[in-house]
Amino acid sequence: MFQWSKKVVKSVTFNPEVADESLLAVVENFLEKQPDKTFSDLCKEALWQYLCVPESVKSGSKTAATESVEPKIAELRRQIADLEERFFAKESNRLEALERQILQLTQQLAHLAIMVSERPTLVYSAPPSAPAVEVVNPTTTTSNAVHPPEEIDPVISRLSQFLDDF
């Protein structure tokens, strides 16, 4: 059997980079929790698992891990579908409420239009210095209901006052 004539020593260098410093911190933390292990033991275990474990064993462990994750993925998909269903139901309710409000506003607008058309029309016949308002009832005068009242020229209205006085 082959015997080692001397001990083989290899070194690991940790550079002052974030990744190396993080790895070194994890290694030191691990070794503090397990005082019976050395850095050399840890390196040998890691190298053994990385280099010597057959691919079939590695892929088998991944399959087992995948199998435990699949139910979680299915649960998450179910939760997402439930969330989408609640979201669309809520949005549908909001849309229906908006449609009802639009219908209500349309009805109110139609009611206001009817009220305005039945209300007497005001025609200003006096100059701005002496405001006088003449009320014309559209129900008695059909021509005013069909055609809007024409604007009266202020000069003619002043002259008509003088004619009435004469």
Protein backbone atom coordinates (compact mmCIF):
# COMPACT_ATOMS: atom_id res chain seq x y z
CA MET A 1 0.00 0.00 0.00
CA PHE A 2 1.17 3.48 -0.82
CA GLN A 3 2.33 5.54 2.11
CA TRP A 4 2.71 9.25 2.15
CA SER A 5 6.26 10.23 2.79
CA LYS A 6 5.33 13.65 3.95
CA LYS A 7 2.32 15.79 4.60
CA VAL A 8 0.98 17.75 1.61
CA VAL A 9 -0.04 21.27 2.49
CA LYS A 10 -2.20 23.43 0.22
CA SER A 11 -3.27 26.93 1.05
CA VAL A 12 -6.46 28.86 0.44
CA THR A 13 -6.22 32.59 -0.08
CA PHE A 14 -9.11 34.89 0.80
CA ASN A 15 -8.84 38.22 -0.99
CA PRO A 16 -10.26 41.45 0.45
CA GLU A 17 -13.31 41.26 -1.81
CA VAL A 18 -16.90 41.11 -0.65
CA ALA A 19 -17.46 37.54 -1.86
CA ASP A 20 -14.27 36.19 -0.25
CA GLU A 21 -14.86 38.06 2.98
CA SER A 22 -18.43 36.75 3.16
CA LEU A 23 -17.24 33.20 2.56
CA LEU A 24 -14.54 33.54 5.21
CA ALA A 25 -17.11 34.84 7.71
CA VAL A 26 -19.38 31.85 7.01
CA VAL A 27 -16.44 29.44 7.40
CA GLU A 28 -15.37 31.01 10.70
CA ASN A 29 -18.96 30.93 11.98
CA PHE A 30 -19.30 27.26 11.02
CA LEU A 31 -16.00 26.33 12.69
CA GLU A 32 -17.00 28.17 15.88
CA LYS A 33 -20.18 26.09 16.10
CA GLN A 34 -18.26 22.85 15.52
CA PRO A 35 -14.99 23.08 17.46
CA ASP A 36 -14.06 19.45 16.71
CA LYS A 37 -13.66 20.28 13.00
CA THR A 38 -10.78 22.13 11.44
CA PHE A 39 -10.54 24.24 8.34
CA SER A 40 -8.69 21.36 6.72
CA ASP A 41 -11.56 18.96 7.53
CA LEU A 42 -14.08 21.38 6.10
CA CYS A 43 -12.09 21.83 2.89
CA LYS A 44 -11.65 18.07 2.46
CA GLU A 45 -15.41 17.46 2.92
CA ALA A 46 -16.29 20.16 0.44
CA LEU A 47 -13.79 18.89 -2.12
CA TRP A 48 -14.96 15.32 -1.63
CA GLN A 49 -18.61 16.26 -2.20
CA TYR A 50 -17.80 18.50 -5.13
CA LEU A 51 -15.32 16.26 -6.92
CA CYS A 52 -16.02 12.69 -5.89
CA VAL A 53 -19.77 12.32 -5.47
CA PRO A 54 -21.21 10.70 -8.61
CA GLU A 55 -23.60 12.73 -10.78
CA SER A 56 -26.41 10.20 -10.26
CA VAL A 57 -26.34 10.84 -6.52
CA LYS A 58 -26.21 14.62 -7.08
CA SER A 59 -29.15 14.60 -9.54
CA GLY A 60 -31.10 12.27 -7.23
CA SER A 61 -30.87 14.76 -4.43
CA LYS A 62 -31.99 17.52 -6.78
CA THR A 63 -35.01 15.41 -7.79
CA ALA A 64 -35.98 14.92 -4.17
CA ALA A 65 -35.61 18.63 -3.58
CA THR A 66 -37.68 19.36 -6.68
CA GLU A 67 -40.40 16.99 -5.50
CA SER A 68 -40.67 18.84 -2.20
CA VAL A 69 -40.89 22.17 -4.01
CA GLU A 70 -43.60 21.12 -6.49
CA PRO A 71 -46.45 21.12 -3.92
CA LYS A 72 -45.36 24.57 -2.79
CA ILE A 73 -45.42 25.79 -6.40
CA ALA A 74 -48.88 24.28 -6.88
CA GLU A 75 -50.09 26.01 -3.71
CA LEU A 76 -48.67 29.33 -4.88
CA ARG A 77 -50.36 28.94 -8.26
CA ARG A 78 -53.66 28.21 -6.52
CA GLN A 79 -53.23 31.29 -4.33
CA ILE A 80 -52.44 33.44 -7.39
CA ALA A 81 -55.54 32.11 -9.19
CA ASP A 82 -57.64 32.87 -6.11
CA LEU A 83 -56.16 36.36 -5.90
CA GLU A 84 -56.85 36.99 -9.59
CA GLU A 85 -60.44 35.80 -9.17
CA ARG A 86 -61.03 38.11 -6.21
CA PHE A 87 -59.37 41.00 -8.06
CA PHE A 88 -61.49 40.55 -11.19
CA ALA A 89 -64.67 40.19 -9.10
CA LYS A 90 -63.84 43.39 -7.26
CA GLU A 91 -63.08 45.22 -10.51
CA SER A 92 -66.32 43.91 -12.02
CA ASN A 93 -68.25 45.27 -9.03
CA ARG A 94 -66.51 48.62 -9.41
CA LEU A 95 -67.36 48.69 -13.11
CA GLU A 96 -71.02 47.91 -12.40
CA ALA A 97 -71.11 50.66 -9.76
CA LEU A 98 -69.63 53.15 -12.23
CA GLU A 99 -72.17 52.14 -14.87
CA ARG A 100 -75.02 52.65 -12.36
CA GLN A 101 -73.65 56.07 -11.44
CA ILE A 102 -73.36 57.06 -15.12
CA LEU A 103 -76.96 55.94 -15.70
CA GLN A 104 -78.09 57.91 -12.65
CA LEU A 105 -76.24 61.03 -13.84
CA THR A 106 -77.73 60.65 -17.33
CA GLN A 107 -81.22 60.48 -15.84
CA GLN A 108 -80.55 63.54 -13.69
CA LEU A 109 -79.21 65.42 -16.71
CA ALA A 110 -82.33 64.54 -18.73
CA HIS A 111 -84.53 65.70 -15.84
CA LEU A 112 -82.61 68.99 -15.64
CA ALA A 113 -82.96 69.48 -19.41
CA ILE A 114 -86.72 69.03 -19.13
CA MET A 115 -86.88 71.49 -16.24
CA VAL A 116 -84.86 74.07 -18.18
CA SER A 117 -87.03 73.72 -21.28
CA GLU A 118 -90.23 74.21 -19.21
CA ARG A 119 -88.85 77.21 -17.33
CA PRO A 120 -89.67 80.72 -18.64
CA THR A 121 -86.98 82.28 -20.81
CA LEU A 122 -85.54 85.61 -19.65
CA VAL A 123 -84.95 88.32 -22.26
CA TYR A 124 -83.06 91.45 -21.30
CA SER A 125 -84.61 94.46 -23.03
CA ALA A 126 -83.17 97.38 -21.05
CA PRO A 127 -79.70 98.91 -21.30
CA PRO A 128 -77.13 97.84 -18.74
CA SER A 129 -77.53 101.07 -16.71
CA ALA A 130 -81.21 100.36 -15.96
CA PRO A 131 -81.68 96.60 -15.77
CA ALA A 132 -85.19 95.45 -16.58
CA VAL A 133 -86.11 91.86 -17.27
CA GLU A 134 -88.90 90.76 -19.56
CA VAL A 135 -90.27 87.27 -18.94
CA VAL A 136 -91.48 85.29 -21.91
CA ASN A 137 -93.41 82.08 -21.29
CA PRO A 138 -92.55 79.46 -23.93
CA THR A 139 -95.80 77.56 -23.35
CA THR A 140 -97.92 80.46 -24.61
CA THR A 141 -95.62 81.45 -27.48
CA THR A 142 -94.83 78.44 -29.62
CA SER A 143 -92.44 80.29 -31.89
CA ASN A 144 -90.12 81.01 -28.92
CA ALA A 145 -90.09 77.35 -27.93
CA VAL A 146 -88.93 76.31 -31.38
CA HIS A 147 -86.56 79.21 -32.06
CA PRO A 148 -84.46 80.88 -29.38
CA PRO A 149 -85.33 84.56 -28.79
CA GLU A 150 -83.44 87.03 -30.93
CA GLU A 151 -81.17 89.55 -29.29
CA ILE A 152 -82.67 93.03 -29.11
CA ASP A 153 -80.49 95.87 -30.26
CA PRO A 154 -79.82 98.26 -27.31
CA VAL A 155 -80.28 101.34 -29.54
CA ILE A 156 -83.72 100.17 -30.65
CA SER A 157 -84.72 99.42 -27.07
CA ARG A 158 -83.75 102.98 -26.02
CA LEU A 159 -85.67 104.47 -28.91
CA SER A 160 -88.69 102.33 -28.12
CA GLN A 161 -88.73 103.77 -24.59
CA PHE A 162 -88.84 107.30 -26.05
CA LEU A 163 -91.63 106.31 -28.43
CA ASP A 164 -93.64 104.86 -25.55
CA ASP A 165 -93.20 108.15 -23.64
CA PHE A 166 -94.16 110.23 -26.68
